[in-house]
C-alpha cells in the first residue's frame, strides 16, 4: 500500500502497526499520524535500530497493510 493510502487510513493501520511494533504507544501512533518518516524515527528510537533497518521494516510492513 502506498503512503498516501496509509496516511488516509492511519486509524485503521495503527492496529497493524501496534501488532508489529508492540513498544509503540497509542500516543506514539497518534503523533506519527501516518507520516512515514515519523514512524521510521519512532521504530528506530524504540528498538535501537539503524535508520536503514527501521526504513526496511516500515517498508515491509507497508506492503502488507
N, C-alpha and C. Protein backbone atom coordinates (compact mmCIF):
# COMPACT_ATOMS: atom_id res chain seq x y z
N UNK A 1 0.86 -1.17 0.00
CA UNK A 1 0.00 0.00 0.00
C UNK A 1 0.90 1.23 0.00
N UNK A 2 0.53 2.24 -0.75
CA UNK A 2 1.38 3.43 -0.77
C UNK A 2 1.08 4.33 0.44
N UNK A 3 1.98 5.26 0.69
CA UNK A 3 1.87 6.06 1.92
C UNK A 3 0.70 7.02 1.90
N UNK A 4 0.26 7.48 0.74
CA UNK A 4 -0.91 8.34 0.71
C UNK A 4 -2.13 7.57 1.23
N UNK A 5 -2.24 6.32 0.83
CA UNK A 5 -3.34 5.48 1.28
C UNK A 5 -3.22 5.18 2.76
N UNK A 6 -2.01 4.85 3.21
CA UNK A 6 -1.80 4.56 4.63
C UNK A 6 -2.13 5.79 5.46
N UNK A 7 -1.67 6.95 5.02
CA UNK A 7 -1.95 8.18 5.76
C UNK A 7 -3.45 8.42 5.86
N UNK A 8 -4.17 8.18 4.76
CA UNK A 8 -5.61 8.37 4.76
C UNK A 8 -6.36 7.39 5.64
N UNK A 9 -5.77 6.21 5.83
CA UNK A 9 -6.41 5.18 6.64
C UNK A 9 -5.58 4.89 7.89
N UNK A 10 -4.91 5.91 8.41
CA UNK A 10 -3.99 5.72 9.52
C UNK A 10 -4.67 5.09 10.74
N UNK A 11 -5.87 5.53 11.06
CA UNK A 11 -6.56 4.98 12.23
C UNK A 11 -6.70 3.47 12.13
N UNK A 12 -7.02 2.97 10.93
CA UNK A 12 -7.14 1.53 10.73
C UNK A 12 -5.77 0.86 10.74
N UNK A 13 -4.76 1.54 10.25
CA UNK A 13 -3.42 0.96 10.15
C UNK A 13 -2.72 0.90 11.50
N UNK A 14 -3.17 1.68 12.47
CA UNK A 14 -2.48 1.70 13.76
C UNK A 14 -2.52 0.35 14.46
N UNK A 15 -3.61 -0.39 14.31
CA UNK A 15 -3.69 -1.72 14.93
C UNK A 15 -2.62 -2.65 14.39
N UNK A 16 -2.44 -2.61 13.09
CA UNK A 16 -1.41 -3.43 12.45
C UNK A 16 -0.01 -2.98 12.88
N UNK A 17 0.18 -1.68 12.96
CA UNK A 17 1.49 -1.15 13.38
C UNK A 17 1.78 -1.55 14.82
N UNK A 18 0.77 -1.49 15.66
CA UNK A 18 0.96 -1.84 17.07
C UNK A 18 1.25 -3.34 17.22
N UNK A 19 0.65 -4.16 16.36
CA UNK A 19 0.94 -5.60 16.38
C UNK A 19 2.39 -5.87 15.99
N UNK A 20 2.87 -5.14 14.99
CA UNK A 20 4.25 -5.33 14.52
C UNK A 20 5.25 -4.77 15.51
N UNK A 21 4.99 -3.58 16.01
CA UNK A 21 5.90 -2.90 16.94
C UNK A 21 5.17 -2.64 18.24
N UNK A 22 5.15 -3.63 19.10
CA UNK A 22 4.40 -3.56 20.35
C UNK A 22 4.84 -2.47 21.31
N UNK A 23 6.05 -1.98 21.15
CA UNK A 23 6.54 -0.93 22.04
C UNK A 23 6.02 0.46 21.67
N UNK A 24 5.39 0.59 20.51
CA UNK A 24 4.80 1.88 20.14
C UNK A 24 3.53 2.08 20.95
N UNK A 25 3.43 3.22 21.60
CA UNK A 25 2.25 3.52 22.41
C UNK A 25 1.17 4.17 21.54
N UNK A 26 -0.02 4.26 22.10
CA UNK A 26 -1.10 4.95 21.40
C UNK A 26 -0.70 6.40 21.14
N UNK A 27 -0.02 7.02 22.10
CA UNK A 27 0.45 8.40 21.92
C UNK A 27 1.45 8.49 20.77
N UNK A 28 2.35 7.52 20.70
CA UNK A 28 3.32 7.49 19.59
C UNK A 28 2.58 7.43 18.26
N UNK A 29 1.65 6.52 18.18
CA UNK A 29 0.91 6.33 16.92
C UNK A 29 0.10 7.56 16.56
N UNK A 30 -0.44 8.23 17.56
CA UNK A 30 -1.20 9.46 17.30
C UNK A 30 -0.27 10.55 16.79
N UNK A 31 0.92 10.65 17.37
CA UNK A 31 1.89 11.66 16.92
C UNK A 31 2.39 11.37 15.51
N UNK A 32 2.56 10.10 15.19
CA UNK A 32 3.04 9.71 13.86
C UNK A 32 2.05 10.13 12.80
N UNK A 33 0.77 9.92 13.06
CA UNK A 33 -0.32 10.37 12.19
C UNK A 33 -0.10 10.03 10.71
N UNK A 34 0.41 8.82 10.46
CA UNK A 34 0.56 8.38 9.08
C UNK A 34 1.80 8.88 8.36
N UNK A 35 2.67 9.60 9.06
CA UNK A 35 3.88 10.15 8.45
C UNK A 35 4.98 9.08 8.47
N UNK A 36 5.44 8.69 7.30
CA UNK A 36 6.43 7.62 7.18
C UNK A 36 7.70 7.93 7.95
N UNK A 37 8.23 9.14 7.81
CA UNK A 37 9.49 9.49 8.47
C UNK A 37 9.34 9.46 9.99
N UNK A 38 8.20 9.90 10.49
CA UNK A 38 7.97 9.84 11.94
C UNK A 38 7.91 8.39 12.42
N UNK A 39 7.25 7.54 11.64
CA UNK A 39 7.18 6.12 12.00
C UNK A 39 8.57 5.51 12.00
N UNK A 40 9.35 5.78 10.97
CA UNK A 40 10.73 5.27 10.92
C UNK A 40 11.50 5.74 12.15
N UNK A 41 11.37 7.01 12.47
CA UNK A 41 12.08 7.57 13.63
C UNK A 41 11.68 6.91 14.93
N UNK A 42 10.39 6.68 15.12
CA UNK A 42 9.91 6.04 16.36
C UNK A 42 10.36 4.60 16.45
N UNK A 43 10.30 3.87 15.34
CA UNK A 43 10.76 2.48 15.33
C UNK A 43 12.26 2.44 15.64
N UNK A 44 12.99 3.35 15.04
CA UNK A 44 14.43 3.44 15.27
C UNK A 44 14.72 3.72 16.75
N UNK A 45 13.99 4.67 17.31
CA UNK A 45 14.18 5.08 18.70
C UNK A 45 13.80 3.96 19.68
N UNK A 46 12.63 3.36 19.49
CA UNK A 46 12.12 2.36 20.44
C UNK A 46 12.90 1.05 20.41
N UNK A 47 13.42 0.70 19.23
CA UNK A 47 14.08 -0.60 19.08
C UNK A 47 15.59 -0.50 18.90
N UNK A 48 16.13 0.71 18.92
CA UNK A 48 17.57 0.89 18.81
C UNK A 48 18.14 0.41 17.49
N UNK A 49 17.39 0.63 16.42
CA UNK A 49 17.81 0.17 15.10
C UNK A 49 18.53 1.28 14.33
N UNK A 50 19.33 0.86 13.38
CA UNK A 50 19.90 1.82 12.43
C UNK A 50 18.77 2.32 11.54
N UNK A 51 18.93 3.51 11.01
CA UNK A 51 17.89 4.10 10.18
C UNK A 51 17.53 3.21 8.99
N UNK A 52 18.53 2.62 8.35
CA UNK A 52 18.28 1.75 7.20
C UNK A 52 17.41 0.56 7.58
N UNK A 53 17.69 -0.05 8.73
CA UNK A 53 16.91 -1.20 9.17
C UNK A 53 15.48 -0.79 9.52
N UNK A 54 15.33 0.34 10.19
CA UNK A 54 13.99 0.83 10.53
C UNK A 54 13.19 1.11 9.26
N UNK A 55 13.82 1.73 8.27
CA UNK A 55 13.14 2.00 7.00
C UNK A 55 12.73 0.70 6.31
N UNK A 56 13.61 -0.29 6.35
CA UNK A 56 13.31 -1.58 5.74
C UNK A 56 12.09 -2.21 6.40
N UNK A 57 12.05 -2.20 7.74
CA UNK A 57 10.91 -2.78 8.44
C UNK A 57 9.61 -2.04 8.13
N UNK A 58 9.69 -0.73 8.10
CA UNK A 58 8.49 0.07 7.80
C UNK A 58 8.00 -0.20 6.38
N UNK A 59 8.91 -0.28 5.44
CA UNK A 59 8.53 -0.56 4.05
C UNK A 59 7.92 -1.94 3.90
N UNK A 60 8.51 -2.94 4.58
CA UNK A 60 7.95 -4.29 4.53
C UNK A 60 6.55 -4.32 5.15
N UNK A 61 6.38 -3.62 6.26
CA UNK A 61 5.08 -3.55 6.90
C UNK A 61 4.05 -2.88 5.98
N UNK A 62 4.45 -1.80 5.33
CA UNK A 62 3.55 -1.05 4.46
C UNK A 62 3.06 -1.89 3.30
N UNK A 63 3.89 -2.79 2.81
CA UNK A 63 3.48 -3.67 1.71
C UNK A 63 2.38 -4.63 2.12
N UNK A 64 2.34 -4.96 3.42
CA UNK A 64 1.39 -5.96 3.91
C UNK A 64 0.10 -5.36 4.48
N UNK A 65 0.10 -4.05 4.67
CA UNK A 65 -1.08 -3.41 5.27
C UNK A 65 -2.22 -3.41 4.29
